[in-house]
Amino acid sequence: MKIDPDSTADFSAQIAQAIRDAIVSGDLIVDQRLPSEAELADQFAVSRPTVREALKRLAAQSLIRTQRGATGGAFVNRLRFEEAYDQQVTTSTLLLSMNSVSFDVACEARYALERACGPLAAQRRTPDQLATMRAEIHRQSQPGLTDEAFCASDVTLHRALVDGAGNKVLSYQLAGAVEAMHPLMNMITFTARSRERIVALHTALADALEAQDAATVDQTLVELESYTRELAHSVVTARAHQKTKNDPNRRKRTEPKESRSA
């Protein structure tokens, strides 16, 4: 492991990258103890505070863990899919919000990914996952449920569908699609949607999964996507109409000439 003294990246970042690369390549294996701060400082020809900063970067990424005591030190951590979900959601949320991804693009991506899980979920869904979906459908039917709680329930239901595919890699990849894209879409459509129609579609989805009917699962997701796009279009159209209606320049342009000259 080496660093480039001519690189524009600071030494702590280079050290962290070098150790990360060694973990990814398998040169450093899970539970292996890293050299001490002093040994790493000698190896990279840097100060111990620089090494300490590099180790903090790796710990923040859950790539290493530290233990105290005589047998302590820094150890290669076993990164689990479930522990990486939050990072995936955060990254996806930032990408969507910072890069002005259109509603249609996000909607297309989310449902394409979710539909990929449909056939697998129809085969592999567990009783617990079905029970989660049924519980959320019941919750969504309650008249006093707030918009925020309805949106959260919506995410939980779709997460159960994705996890029903029984594939950790898919669940990890779709964490951003369901828990980042879905809430952003809900923020746009929640004022226009019919809860009764959403509940009906969710019920059809759960029924199809319980019956292991992959074709109906897919068709229901297609209907959900179509309805979601329809809602977004109606919201955008209504906002544009309201903006035009409130435009004072428009009012001046449409006033009769007699009233403007009076």
Protein backbone atom coordinates (compact mmCIF):
# COMPACT_ATOMS: atom_id res chain seq x y z
CA MET A 1 0.00 0.00 0.00
CA LYS A 2 1.42 3.35 -1.08
CA ILE A 3 0.42 6.99 -1.47
CA ASP A 4 1.34 9.49 -4.17
CA PRO A 5 3.09 12.56 -2.70
CA ASP A 6 2.32 14.52 -5.89
CA SER A 7 -1.42 13.81 -5.76
CA THR A 8 -3.84 16.66 -5.02
CA ALA A 9 -5.73 14.41 -2.60
CA ASP A 10 -4.67 14.80 1.03
CA PHE A 11 -2.65 12.00 2.57
CA SER A 12 -5.39 10.79 4.91
CA ALA A 13 -7.75 10.30 1.94
CA GLN A 14 -5.06 8.42 0.03
CA ILE A 15 -4.32 6.16 2.98
CA ALA A 16 -8.01 5.43 3.46
CA GLN A 17 -8.34 4.60 -0.26
CA ALA A 18 -5.29 2.34 -0.16
CA ILE A 19 -6.65 0.38 2.80
CA ARG A 20 -10.12 0.27 1.21
CA ASP A 21 -8.61 -1.14 -2.00
CA ALA A 22 -6.77 -3.78 0.02
CA ILE A 23 -10.03 -4.82 1.68
CA VAL A 24 -11.91 -4.98 -1.64
CA SER A 25 -9.15 -7.00 -3.29
CA GLY A 26 -9.00 -9.44 -0.38
CA ASP A 27 -5.46 -8.55 0.66
CA LEU A 28 -7.02 -7.57 3.99
CA ILE A 29 -9.72 -10.03 5.07
CA VAL A 30 -12.67 -9.77 7.44
CA ASP A 31 -11.65 -9.61 11.13
CA GLN A 32 -7.98 -9.10 10.23
CA ARG A 33 -6.21 -6.64 12.52
CA LEU A 34 -4.71 -3.64 10.76
CA PRO A 35 -1.17 -2.51 11.61
CA SER A 36 -0.99 -0.07 14.52
CA GLU A 37 -1.16 3.70 13.95
CA ALA A 38 2.61 3.89 14.48
CA GLU A 39 3.24 1.09 11.98
CA LEU A 40 0.95 2.66 9.40
CA ALA A 41 2.60 6.06 9.94
CA ASP A 42 6.00 4.49 9.22
CA GLN A 43 4.68 2.56 6.24
CA PHE A 44 3.16 5.65 4.59
CA ALA A 45 5.79 8.09 5.90
CA VAL A 46 3.18 10.38 7.47
CA SER A 47 2.29 11.55 10.96
CA ARG A 48 0.08 9.52 13.31
CA PRO A 49 -2.70 12.18 13.26
CA THR A 50 -2.86 11.72 9.47
CA VAL A 51 -3.24 7.95 9.92
CA ARG A 52 -5.86 8.54 12.61
CA GLU A 53 -7.87 10.69 10.22
CA ALA A 54 -7.67 7.97 7.56
CA LEU A 55 -8.96 5.38 10.03
CA LYS A 56 -11.85 7.68 10.94
CA ARG A 57 -12.81 7.84 7.27
CA LEU A 58 -12.82 4.05 7.03
CA ALA A 59 -14.83 3.69 10.24
CA ALA A 60 -17.41 6.16 8.91
CA GLN A 61 -17.84 3.85 5.91
CA SER A 62 -18.20 0.84 8.27
CA LEU A 63 -15.15 -0.74 6.64
CA ILE A 64 -13.28 -1.07 9.92
CA ARG A 65 -14.15 -1.28 13.61
CA THR A 66 -12.00 -0.40 16.59
CA GLN A 67 -11.58 -2.29 19.85
CA ARG A 68 -9.89 -1.16 23.04
CA GLY A 69 -7.68 -3.12 25.38
CA ALA A 70 -4.57 -5.26 25.11
CA THR A 71 -6.00 -7.19 22.19
CA GLY A 72 -7.62 -4.13 20.63
CA GLY A 73 -6.86 -2.12 17.53
CA ALA A 74 -8.51 -1.56 14.17
CA PHE A 75 -10.05 -4.59 12.44
CA VAL A 76 -11.56 -5.16 9.02
CA ASN A 77 -15.31 -5.09 9.48
CA ARG A 78 -17.84 -7.38 7.80
CA LEU A 79 -20.09 -4.99 5.91
CA ARG A 80 -23.63 -6.36 5.78
CA PHE A 81 -26.26 -5.45 3.21
CA GLU A 82 -28.73 -4.35 5.88
CA GLU A 83 -26.19 -1.97 7.40
CA ALA A 84 -25.57 -0.35 4.01
CA TYR A 85 -29.24 0.42 3.27
CA ASP A 86 -29.12 3.86 4.91
CA GLN A 87 -26.10 4.92 2.84
CA GLN A 88 -27.83 3.76 -0.33
CA VAL A 89 -30.99 5.70 0.54
CA THR A 90 -29.05 8.85 1.46
CA THR A 91 -26.97 8.73 -1.73
CA SER A 92 -30.04 8.13 -3.91
CA THR A 93 -31.93 10.99 -2.25
CA LEU A 94 -29.05 13.39 -2.76
CA LEU A 95 -28.58 12.37 -6.40
CA LEU A 96 -32.26 12.88 -7.15
CA SER A 97 -32.55 16.21 -5.37
CA MET A 98 -29.27 17.69 -6.62
CA ASN A 99 -29.50 16.67 -10.25
CA SER A 100 -33.05 17.72 -11.09
CA VAL A 101 -34.19 14.25 -12.15
CA SER A 102 -37.63 14.57 -13.71
CA PHE A 103 -40.63 12.89 -12.16
CA ASP A 104 -41.12 10.68 -15.23
CA VAL A 105 -37.51 9.48 -15.19
CA ALA A 106 -37.66 8.65 -11.47
CA CYS A 107 -41.05 6.96 -11.85
CA GLU A 108 -39.89 4.89 -14.82
CA ALA A 109 -36.75 3.76 -12.98
CA ARG A 110 -38.53 2.93 -9.75
CA TYR A 111 -41.27 0.81 -11.29
CA ALA A 112 -38.92 -0.92 -13.74
CA LEU A 113 -36.79 -2.00 -10.80
CA GLU A 114 -39.77 -2.96 -8.67
CA ARG A 115 -41.33 -4.97 -11.49
CA ALA A 116 -38.08 -6.92 -11.72
CA CYS A 117 -38.77 -8.10 -8.16
CA GLY A 118 -42.39 -9.04 -8.88
CA PRO A 119 -41.95 -12.57 -10.31
CA LEU A 120 -39.42 -13.49 -7.62
CA ALA A 121 -41.63 -12.10 -4.85
CA ALA A 122 -44.58 -14.09 -6.20
CA GLN A 123 -42.49 -17.26 -5.75
CA ARG A 124 -40.67 -16.45 -2.52
CA ARG A 125 -42.73 -14.02 -0.41
CA THR A 126 -42.98 -15.13 3.20
CA PRO A 127 -46.03 -15.12 5.49
CA ASP A 128 -44.42 -12.29 7.46
CA GLN A 129 -43.99 -10.15 4.36
CA LEU A 130 -47.60 -10.75 3.34
CA ALA A 131 -48.70 -9.91 6.88
CA THR A 132 -46.73 -6.65 6.70
CA MET A 133 -48.47 -5.69 3.48
CA ARG A 134 -51.91 -6.57 4.87
CA ALA A 135 -51.22 -4.57 8.03
CA GLU A 136 -50.18 -1.53 6.00
CA ILE A 137 -53.26 -1.83 3.77
CA HIS A 138 -55.45 -1.86 6.91
CA ARG A 139 -53.54 1.15 8.24
CA GLN A 140 -54.00 3.03 4.96
CA SER A 141 -57.76 2.46 5.19
CA GLN A 142 -58.06 4.35 8.48
CA PRO A 143 -59.84 7.69 7.94
CA GLY A 144 -57.78 9.62 10.50
CA LEU A 145 -54.39 8.67 9.07
CA THR A 146 -52.23 11.71 8.29
CA ASP A 147 -50.67 12.29 4.88
CA GLU A 148 -47.20 11.72 6.37
CA ALA A 149 -48.25 8.42 7.96
CA PHE A 150 -49.96 7.29 4.74
CA CYS A 151 -46.79 8.00 2.74
CA ALA A 152 -44.65 6.14 5.28
CA SER A 153 -47.04 3.18 5.15
CA ASP A 154 -46.88 3.24 1.35
CA VAL A 155 -43.08 2.93 1.48
CA THR A 156 -43.24 0.08 4.02
CA LEU A 157 -45.67 -1.87 1.85
CA HIS A 158 -43.53 -1.58 -1.27
CA ARG A 159 -40.41 -2.41 0.73
CA ALA A 160 -42.10 -5.66 1.79
CA LEU A 161 -42.71 -6.47 -1.89
CA VAL A 162 -39.05 -5.84 -2.76
CA ASP A 163 -37.80 -7.88 0.19
CA GLY A 164 -40.23 -10.62 -0.83
CA ALA A 165 -37.98 -11.31 -3.82
CA GLY A 166 -35.64 -12.99 -1.32
CA ASN A 167 -32.52 -11.50 -2.91
CA LYS A 168 -30.26 -9.37 -0.71
CA VAL A 169 -28.53 -7.73 -3.66
CA LEU A 170 -31.86 -6.65 -5.13
CA SER A 171 -33.09 -5.42 -1.75
CA TYR A 172 -29.95 -3.34 -1.35
CA GLN A 173 -30.11 -1.91 -4.87
CA LEU A 174 -33.79 -1.08 -4.54
CA ALA A 175 -33.45 0.53 -1.11
CA GLY A 176 -32.77 3.79 -2.91
CA ALA A 177 -35.59 3.23 -5.40
CA VAL A 178 -38.23 2.52 -2.78
CA GLU A 179 -37.06 4.63 0.16
CA ALA A 180 -35.67 7.60 -1.78
CA MET A 181 -37.59 7.86 -5.06
CA HIS A 182 -40.94 6.81 -3.60
CA PRO A 183 -41.08 9.49 -0.86
CA LEU A 184 -40.05 12.18 -3.36
CA MET A 185 -42.85 11.09 -5.69
CA ASN A 186 -45.31 11.04 -2.79
CA MET A 187 -44.44 14.67 -2.01
CA ILE A 188 -45.72 15.64 -5.46
CA THR A 189 -48.77 13.40 -5.76
CA PHE A 190 -50.21 13.06 -2.24
CA THR A 191 -52.55 16.05 -2.56
CA ALA A 192 -54.24 14.66 -5.67
CA ARG A 193 -54.40 10.92 -5.15
CA SER A 194 -57.41 8.89 -4.10
CA ARG A 195 -56.54 6.82 -1.04
CA GLU A 196 -59.35 4.43 -1.92
CA ARG A 197 -57.82 3.72 -5.32
CA ILE A 198 -54.34 3.27 -3.82
CA VAL A 199 -55.72 0.87 -1.20
CA ALA A 200 -57.56 -1.08 -3.92
CA LEU A 201 -54.37 -1.43 -5.97
CA HIS A 202 -52.34 -2.39 -2.91
CA THR A 203 -54.96 -5.01 -2.02
CA ALA A 204 -54.81 -6.43 -5.55
CA LEU A 205 -51.02 -6.54 -5.26
CA ALA A 206 -51.09 -8.42 -1.95
CA ASP A 207 -53.77 -10.81 -3.24
CA ALA A 208 -51.68 -11.59 -6.33
CA LEU A 209 -48.57 -12.21 -4.25
CA GLU A 210 -50.47 -14.50 -1.90
CA ALA A 211 -51.82 -16.42 -4.92
CA GLN A 212 -48.29 -16.50 -6.39
CA ASP A 213 -49.74 -14.92 -9.53
CA ALA A 214 -46.71 -13.20 -11.08
CA ALA A 215 -48.63 -11.89 -14.10
CA THR A 216 -51.17 -10.06 -11.94
CA VAL A 217 -48.41 -8.70 -9.71
CA ASP A 218 -46.77 -7.20 -12.78
CA GLN A 219 -50.04 -5.84 -14.18
CA THR A 220 -50.90 -4.21 -10.84
CA LEU A 221 -47.52 -2.50 -10.73
CA VAL A 222 -48.11 -1.27 -14.28
CA GLU A 223 -51.45 0.19 -13.13
CA LEU A 224 -49.78 1.81 -10.12
CA GLU A 225 -47.16 3.40 -12.36
CA SER A 226 -49.82 4.66 -14.77
CA TYR A 227 -51.87 6.13 -11.92
CA THR A 228 -48.79 7.74 -10.39
CA ARG A 229 -47.89 9.41 -13.68
CA GLU A 230 -51.49 10.53 -14.11
CA LEU A 231 -51.45 12.12 -10.65
CA ALA A 232 -48.18 13.94 -11.31
CA HIS A 233 -49.50 15.31 -14.61
CA SER A 234 -52.68 16.58 -12.95
CA VAL A 235 -50.71 18.26 -10.15
CA VAL A 236 -48.31 19.96 -12.57
CA THR A 237 -51.19 21.13 -14.77
CA ALA A 238 -53.10 22.51 -11.78
CA ARG A 239 -50.03 24.35 -10.51
CA ALA A 240 -49.38 25.88 -13.93
CA HIS A 241 -53.00 26.99 -14.16
CA GLN A 242 -52.89 28.55 -10.70
CA LYS A 243 -49.62 30.33 -11.48
CA THR A 244 -51.10 31.78 -14.67
CA LYS A 245 -54.25 32.79 -12.83
CA ASN A 246 -52.24 34.65 -10.19
CA ASP A 247 -49.94 36.36 -12.69
CA PRO A 248 -50.63 40.15 -12.45
CA ASN A 249 -49.15 40.71 -15.91
CA ARG A 250 -51.65 38.27 -17.34
CA ARG A 251 -54.51 40.16 -15.72
CA LYS A 252 -53.29 43.40 -17.32
CA ARG A 253 -53.02 41.72 -20.72
CA THR A 254 -56.57 40.37 -20.52
CA GLU A 255 -58.27 43.51 -19.19
CA PRO A 256 -60.44 45.41 -21.71
CA LYS A 257 -58.71 48.48 -23.13
CA GLU A 258 -61.51 50.74 -21.82
CA SER A 259 -60.90 49.71 -18.21
CA ARG A 260 -57.14 50.20 -18.52
CA SER A 261 -57.56 53.72 -19.94
CA ALA A 262 -60.16 54.76 -17.40
